[in-house]
Amino acid sequence: MVNFSDDKSALDALRTQHEGLLAEVGKVIVGQEHVIREVTTSIFAGGHILLVGVPGLAKTLLVNTIAQALGLSFNRIQFTPDLMPSDIVGAEILDESRQFKFVKGPLFSNIVLADEINRTPPKTQAALLEAMQERAVTAAGQRYELPAPFFVLATQNPIEQEGTYPLPEAQLDRFMFNTWVDYPTFDEELNVVKQTTSGGSQTVNAVIRGEEILAYQDVIRRMPVADNVVSYAVNLAASTRPGRDRATAEVNQYLSWGAGPRASQYLVVAAKVHSALEGKYSPDIEDVQAVATPILRHRIVRNYKAEADGVTVEALIDRLK
């Protein structure tokens, strides 16, 4: 177990190690600073993340590189329509002595990349849902704990929807962040092409251990938060719920569903991590605002009027902050 003299020194160490982590990831990944920052924020907050972007934007490479820099075990699962729960959880088999033996599936890893998560049927998505929420899986009536720390980083293609199964709201709600992975700038793409079309490769070194991540997560949970910051986070989530007291006229006009209480919890925890990585020892309202969009983006549902008027989820969130 990692021991720190006090929480302040632990937060200082977190910021220093995070800078080293960004430097290691930057050896391989060009640009995408906000994506990397949201992934690392979710990891130190103990949450899962959904990466949404068109193919070819190095989402898989990003997750793999971060896993290497964190010194964590990593498995990639390609989600397909014929994927069964036993394919990811594991299954019982008969061994040489004719005894049933549980063979662990690829979920038994610190970081699991669920590639194109919306391409698998609801039955398999439900098996992943248990793992995300309980950090454990059930097979043949037995419960098996997943390794700690455990994170699901899922990818989704926003364009090609043929042959996909929309993620249920219950599963979407388990993701702390919904992060949009955008096209690189011209200069970033220029660097990517130069790096990937020449010889040689970069070695990514592990800069943080798994037990350190668990220790930092505990420290983050203990960070003090002012009552006005908690009130702001709860009010922000509550203001997205149409037909309720705190909803604005625009929310009532354009939204059919708002964020639940889990959004309020994630806003506070993610704001703590954001403030720690900025060198602060307690979050303020600006930290909540900084993490609000990726936390609320997938938790509020627009109605037909919003789509007809071209009102985006991001624009509504910006006006509520």
Protein backbone atom coordinates (compact mmCIF):
# COMPACT_ATOMS: atom_id res chain seq x y z
CA MET A 1 0.00 0.00 0.00
CA VAL A 2 1.24 3.50 -0.86
CA ASN A 3 1.64 5.84 2.10
CA PHE A 4 1.77 9.62 2.00
CA SER A 5 2.66 11.90 4.91
CA ASP A 6 -0.59 13.81 4.39
CA ASP A 7 -3.24 14.44 1.74
CA LYS A 8 -1.57 17.66 0.58
CA SER A 9 1.66 15.84 -0.27
CA ALA A 10 -0.39 13.12 -1.98
CA LEU A 11 -2.11 15.69 -4.21
CA ASP A 12 1.26 17.27 -5.02
CA ALA A 13 2.60 13.84 -5.99
CA LEU A 14 -0.49 13.20 -8.12
CA ARG A 15 0.05 16.38 -10.10
CA THR A 16 3.74 15.62 -10.63
CA GLN A 17 3.08 12.05 -11.74
CA HIS A 18 0.25 13.18 -13.98
CA GLU A 19 2.64 15.51 -15.80
CA GLY A 20 4.97 12.56 -16.31
CA LEU A 21 2.04 10.50 -17.57
CA LEU A 22 1.12 13.15 -20.15
CA ALA A 23 4.76 13.27 -21.30
CA GLU A 24 4.84 9.49 -21.85
CA VAL A 25 1.51 9.45 -23.69
CA GLY A 26 2.69 12.41 -25.78
CA LYS A 27 5.51 10.26 -27.17
CA VAL A 28 2.92 8.33 -29.20
CA ILE A 29 -0.25 10.43 -29.31
CA VAL A 30 -0.12 13.77 -31.13
CA GLY A 31 -2.61 16.37 -29.95
CA GLN A 32 -5.97 15.24 -28.44
CA GLU A 33 -5.05 16.99 -25.18
CA HIS A 34 -8.64 17.30 -23.97
CA VAL A 35 -9.31 13.61 -24.70
CA ILE A 36 -6.21 12.48 -22.80
CA ARG A 37 -7.08 14.80 -19.92
CA GLU A 38 -10.64 13.44 -19.66
CA VAL A 39 -9.41 9.84 -19.77
CA THR A 40 -6.89 10.44 -16.99
CA THR A 41 -9.47 12.40 -14.97
CA SER A 42 -11.92 9.49 -15.17
CA ILE A 43 -9.19 7.05 -14.12
CA PHE A 44 -8.20 9.01 -11.01
CA ALA A 45 -11.90 9.50 -10.22
CA GLY A 46 -12.56 5.76 -10.62
CA GLY A 47 -15.00 6.17 -13.52
CA HIS A 48 -15.51 4.69 -16.96
CA ILE A 49 -15.41 6.66 -20.20
CA LEU A 50 -17.10 6.45 -23.61
CA LEU A 51 -15.02 7.75 -26.54
CA VAL A 52 -17.12 8.80 -29.51
CA GLY A 53 -15.44 9.52 -32.83
CA VAL A 54 -15.15 8.45 -36.44
CA PRO A 55 -12.75 5.60 -37.34
CA GLY A 56 -9.04 6.31 -37.69
CA LEU A 57 -8.61 8.84 -34.89
CA ALA A 58 -6.30 6.58 -32.82
CA LYS A 59 -8.83 5.87 -30.07
CA THR A 60 -7.54 2.32 -29.61
CA LEU A 61 -3.91 3.46 -29.70
CA LEU A 62 -4.68 6.15 -27.12
CA VAL A 63 -6.20 3.68 -24.66
CA ASN A 64 -3.39 1.17 -25.17
CA THR A 65 -0.73 3.87 -24.67
CA ILE A 66 -2.34 5.14 -21.46
CA ALA A 67 -2.52 1.57 -20.13
CA GLN A 68 1.21 1.15 -20.80
CA ALA A 69 2.05 4.47 -19.11
CA LEU A 70 0.02 3.42 -16.08
CA GLY A 71 1.64 0.00 -15.90
CA LEU A 72 -1.77 -1.69 -15.99
CA SER A 73 -2.94 -4.86 -17.71
CA PHE A 74 -4.91 -4.17 -20.88
CA ASN A 75 -7.36 -6.17 -22.99
CA ARG A 76 -9.17 -5.12 -26.14
CA ILE A 77 -12.56 -6.67 -26.94
CA GLN A 78 -13.95 -6.17 -30.44
CA PHE A 79 -17.71 -6.04 -29.97
CA THR A 80 -19.64 -7.80 -32.75
CA PRO A 81 -23.26 -8.90 -33.22
CA ASP A 82 -22.42 -12.53 -32.42
CA LEU A 83 -20.46 -11.78 -29.22
CA MET A 84 -21.88 -13.70 -26.24
CA PRO A 85 -21.60 -12.83 -22.52
CA SER A 86 -19.33 -15.85 -21.95
CA ASP A 87 -16.95 -14.46 -24.59
CA ILE A 88 -16.15 -11.49 -22.36
CA VAL A 89 -16.86 -12.80 -18.84
CA GLY A 90 -15.47 -16.30 -19.20
CA ALA A 91 -16.97 -19.77 -18.89
CA GLU A 92 -16.71 -23.03 -17.03
CA ILE A 93 -14.95 -25.90 -18.76
CA LEU A 94 -14.12 -29.50 -17.86
CA ASP A 95 -10.43 -29.88 -17.02
CA GLU A 96 -8.30 -33.03 -17.35
CA SER A 97 -9.61 -34.41 -14.04
CA ARG A 98 -13.24 -33.99 -15.19
CA GLN A 99 -13.78 -31.10 -12.80
CA PHE A 100 -15.43 -27.85 -13.76
CA LYS A 101 -12.96 -24.97 -13.91
CA PHE A 102 -13.76 -21.30 -14.55
CA VAL A 103 -11.65 -19.79 -17.31
CA LYS A 104 -11.57 -16.02 -16.99
CA GLY A 105 -12.49 -13.91 -19.99
CA PRO A 106 -10.90 -10.68 -21.23
CA LEU A 107 -12.90 -8.60 -18.72
CA PHE A 108 -10.38 -9.69 -16.08
CA SER A 109 -7.98 -6.85 -16.76
CA ASN A 110 -7.28 -3.42 -15.29
CA ILE A 111 -8.23 -1.54 -18.44
CA VAL A 112 -10.73 -3.03 -20.87
CA LEU A 113 -11.20 -1.41 -24.27
CA ALA A 114 -14.73 -2.18 -25.46
CA ASP A 115 -14.27 -1.40 -29.15
CA GLU A 116 -17.49 -0.38 -30.97
CA ILE A 117 -19.55 -1.22 -27.92
CA ASN A 118 -22.84 -0.51 -29.69
CA ARG A 119 -22.34 -3.39 -32.14
CA THR A 120 -23.15 -6.13 -29.64
CA PRO A 121 -26.67 -7.20 -28.58
CA PRO A 122 -28.28 -6.17 -25.27
CA LYS A 123 -27.55 -9.53 -23.59
CA THR A 124 -23.81 -8.98 -23.86
CA GLN A 125 -24.12 -5.29 -23.01
CA ALA A 126 -25.90 -6.35 -19.79
CA ALA A 127 -22.94 -8.54 -18.80
CA LEU A 128 -20.65 -5.55 -19.24
CA LEU A 129 -23.07 -3.40 -17.22
CA GLU A 130 -22.65 -5.65 -14.17
CA ALA A 131 -18.88 -5.45 -14.45
CA MET A 132 -18.94 -1.65 -14.73
CA GLN A 133 -21.20 -1.18 -11.74
CA GLU A 134 -20.18 -3.97 -9.37
CA ARG A 135 -16.52 -4.42 -10.39
CA ALA A 136 -17.40 -8.12 -10.39
CA VAL A 137 -19.05 -10.68 -12.66
CA THR A 138 -21.32 -13.66 -12.07
CA ALA A 139 -20.79 -16.96 -13.87
CA ALA A 140 -22.54 -20.25 -13.10
CA GLY A 141 -23.90 -18.73 -9.89
CA GLN A 142 -20.46 -17.73 -8.64
CA ARG A 143 -19.29 -14.16 -8.13
CA TYR A 144 -15.79 -13.27 -9.29
CA GLU A 145 -14.12 -10.00 -8.32
CA LEU A 146 -12.42 -8.07 -11.10
CA PRO A 147 -8.87 -6.78 -10.59
CA ALA A 148 -8.46 -3.36 -9.01
CA PRO A 149 -8.25 -0.80 -10.42
CA PHE A 150 -10.78 -1.61 -13.14
CA PHE A 151 -11.86 0.70 -15.96
CA VAL A 152 -13.95 0.27 -19.07
CA LEU A 153 -12.99 2.57 -21.93
CA ALA A 154 -15.48 2.08 -24.71
CA THR A 155 -15.50 3.43 -28.26
CA GLN A 156 -18.45 4.20 -30.49
CA ASN A 157 -18.72 5.28 -34.11
CA PRO A 158 -21.25 8.15 -34.43
CA ILE A 159 -21.70 7.77 -38.20
CA GLU A 160 -22.33 4.19 -39.20
CA GLN A 161 -25.48 3.07 -37.38
CA GLU A 162 -26.44 0.06 -39.52
CA GLY A 163 -26.22 -3.15 -37.52
CA THR A 164 -25.86 -1.39 -34.18
CA TYR A 165 -27.73 -1.72 -30.89
CA PRO A 166 -28.20 1.64 -29.14
CA LEU A 167 -26.77 1.62 -25.63
CA PRO A 168 -29.54 1.58 -22.99
CA GLU A 169 -29.81 4.65 -20.81
CA ALA A 170 -28.86 2.58 -17.74
CA GLN A 171 -25.55 1.66 -19.34
CA LEU A 172 -24.85 5.15 -20.67
CA ASP A 173 -25.35 6.44 -17.14
CA ARG A 174 -22.52 4.22 -15.89
CA PHE A 175 -20.00 6.13 -17.99
CA MET A 176 -18.59 9.11 -16.14
CA PHE A 177 -17.56 10.89 -19.35
CA ASN A 178 -18.83 10.91 -22.91
CA THR A 179 -15.81 12.30 -24.72
CA TRP A 180 -15.94 13.50 -28.32
CA VAL A 181 -12.78 12.61 -30.26
CA ASP A 182 -12.48 15.14 -33.08
CA TYR A 183 -10.32 15.33 -36.18
CA PRO A 184 -6.75 16.57 -35.59
CA THR A 185 -5.67 20.02 -36.70
CA PHE A 186 -3.62 20.31 -39.90
CA ASP A 187 -0.33 20.62 -37.98
CA GLU A 188 -1.23 17.67 -35.71
CA GLU A 189 -2.10 15.49 -38.69
CA LEU A 190 1.17 16.52 -40.34
CA ASN A 191 3.08 15.30 -37.27
CA VAL A 192 1.06 12.08 -37.15
CA VAL A 193 1.89 11.28 -40.78
CA LYS A 194 5.60 12.03 -40.23
CA GLN A 195 5.74 9.82 -37.14
CA THR A 196 3.83 6.87 -38.57
CA THR A 197 5.46 6.73 -42.02
CA SER A 198 9.07 6.71 -40.86
CA GLY A 199 11.09 4.02 -39.13
CA GLY A 200 11.40 3.56 -35.40
CA SER A 201 8.92 3.52 -32.57
CA GLN A 202 8.69 5.16 -29.18
CA THR A 203 8.93 3.18 -25.95
CA VAL A 204 6.30 4.10 -23.39
CA ASN A 205 7.46 3.72 -19.79
CA ALA A 206 5.17 3.03 -16.85
CA VAL A 207 5.15 6.07 -14.57
CA ILE A 208 2.33 5.17 -12.15
CA ARG A 209 1.54 1.82 -10.56
CA GLY A 210 -1.89 0.34 -9.93
CA GLU A 211 -1.61 0.65 -6.15
CA GLU A 212 -0.71 4.32 -6.54
CA ILE A 213 -3.85 4.90 -8.62
CA LEU A 214 -5.97 3.32 -5.87
CA ALA A 215 -4.26 5.49 -3.27
CA TYR A 216 -4.88 8.64 -5.32
CA GLN A 217 -8.53 7.68 -5.73
CA ASP A 218 -8.86 7.49 -1.93
CA VAL A 219 -7.19 10.89 -1.55
CA ILE A 220 -9.52 12.42 -4.15
CA ARG A 221 -12.53 11.14 -2.24
CA ARG A 222 -11.24 12.81 0.94
CA MET A 223 -10.72 16.21 -0.67
CA PRO A 224 -12.82 18.89 1.04
CA VAL A 225 -15.53 20.56 -1.03
CA ALA A 226 -17.29 23.79 -0.11
CA ASP A 227 -21.06 23.60 0.29
CA ASN A 228 -21.63 26.18 -2.43
CA VAL A 229 -19.69 24.03 -4.92
CA VAL A 230 -21.77 20.93 -4.09
CA SER A 231 -24.95 23.03 -4.33
CA TYR A 232 -23.86 24.35 -7.74
CA ALA A 233 -23.19 20.82 -9.04
CA VAL A 234 -26.53 19.48 -7.80
CA ASN A 235 -28.39 22.53 -9.12
CA LEU A 236 -26.70 22.13 -12.52
CA ALA A 237 -27.83 18.51 -12.81
CA ALA A 238 -31.32 19.32 -11.50
CA SER A 239 -31.73 22.18 -13.99
CA THR A 240 -31.57 19.68 -16.89
CA ARG A 241 -34.80 17.93 -15.80
CA PRO A 242 -37.80 19.24 -17.75
CA GLY A 243 -41.00 19.85 -15.82
CA ARG A 244 -39.16 20.27 -12.51
CA ASP A 245 -38.79 23.40 -10.36
CA ARG A 246 -35.23 24.24 -11.38
CA ALA A 247 -35.67 23.69 -15.11
CA THR A 248 -35.33 26.75 -17.34
CA ALA A 249 -37.84 27.62 -20.04
CA GLU A 250 -35.35 26.43 -22.64
CA VAL A 251 -34.95 23.06 -20.91
CA ASN A 252 -38.73 22.60 -20.79
CA GLN A 253 -38.92 23.51 -24.46
CA TYR A 254 -36.10 21.36 -25.83
CA LEU A 255 -35.44 18.40 -23.50
CA SER A 256 -37.51 15.29 -22.95
CA TRP A 257 -35.29 13.84 -20.21
CA GLY A 258 -32.63 15.15 -17.86
CA ALA A 259 -29.65 13.90 -15.85
CA GLY A 260 -30.10 11.77 -12.75
CA PRO A 261 -28.41 11.97 -9.33
CA ARG A 262 -25.35 10.04 -10.57
CA ALA A 263 -24.51 13.11 -12.68
CA SER A 264 -24.36 15.24 -9.52
CA GLN A 265 -22.00 12.75 -7.90
CA TYR A 266 -19.74 12.60 -10.95
CA LEU A 267 -19.68 16.40 -11.26
CA VAL A 268 -18.28 16.70 -7.74
CA VAL A 269 -15.77 13.83 -7.99
CA ALA A 270 -14.51 14.87 -11.43
CA ALA A 271 -14.23 18.49 -10.25
CA LYS A 272 -12.03 17.26 -7.40
CA VAL A 273 -9.68 15.53 -9.83
CA HIS A 274 -9.66 18.54 -12.15
CA SER A 275 -8.74 20.86 -9.30
CA ALA A 276 -6.01 18.50 -8.06
CA LEU A 277 -4.43 18.30 -11.50
CA GLU A 278 -4.50 22.11 -11.63
CA GLY A 279 -2.58 22.33 -8.37
CA LYS A 280 -5.50 23.20 -6.09
CA TYR A 281 -6.47 21.41 -2.88
CA SER A 282 -10.22 21.95 -3.11
CA PRO A 283 -12.48 22.33 -6.16
CA ASP A 284 -14.37 25.50 -7.00
CA ILE A 285 -17.29 26.22 -9.33
CA GLU A 286 -14.94 26.67 -12.31
CA ASP A 287 -13.78 23.06 -11.85
CA VAL A 288 -17.38 21.84 -11.99
CA GLN A 289 -17.97 23.87 -15.15
CA ALA A 290 -14.82 22.41 -16.73
CA VAL A 291 -16.13 18.83 -16.47
CA ALA A 292 -19.84 19.51 -16.96
CA THR A 293 -20.15 18.99 -20.72
CA PRO A 294 -18.68 15.45 -21.01
CA ILE A 295 -20.57 14.37 -17.88
CA LEU A 296 -23.98 15.71 -18.91
CA ARG A 297 -23.73 15.19 -22.70
CA HIS A 298 -25.02 11.59 -22.68
CA ARG A 299 -27.45 12.02 -19.81
CA ILE A 300 -29.89 14.50 -21.33
CA VAL A 301 -32.19 13.68 -24.21
CA ARG A 302 -33.34 16.27 -26.74
CA ASN A 303 -36.88 16.25 -28.12
CA TYR A 304 -37.94 16.64 -31.75
CA LYS A 305 -38.29 20.42 -31.41
CA ALA A 306 -34.63 20.74 -30.40
CA GLU A 307 -33.55 18.68 -33.40
CA ALA A 308 -35.77 20.73 -35.72
CA ASP A 309 -34.41 24.01 -34.35
CA GLY A 310 -30.81 22.78 -34.50
CA VAL A 311 -30.26 23.17 -30.75
CA THR A 312 -27.38 20.93 -29.63
CA VAL A 313 -26.91 19.29 -26.25
CA GLU A 314 -23.59 21.10 -25.82
CA ALA A 315 -25.21 24.50 -26.43
CA LEU A 316 -27.88 23.80 -23.83
CA ILE A 317 -25.28 22.73 -21.26
CA ASP A 318 -23.21 25.84 -21.92
CA ARG A 319 -26.23 28.04 -21.26
CA LEU A 320 -27.00 26.21 -18.00
CA LYS A 321 -23.47 26.54 -16.57
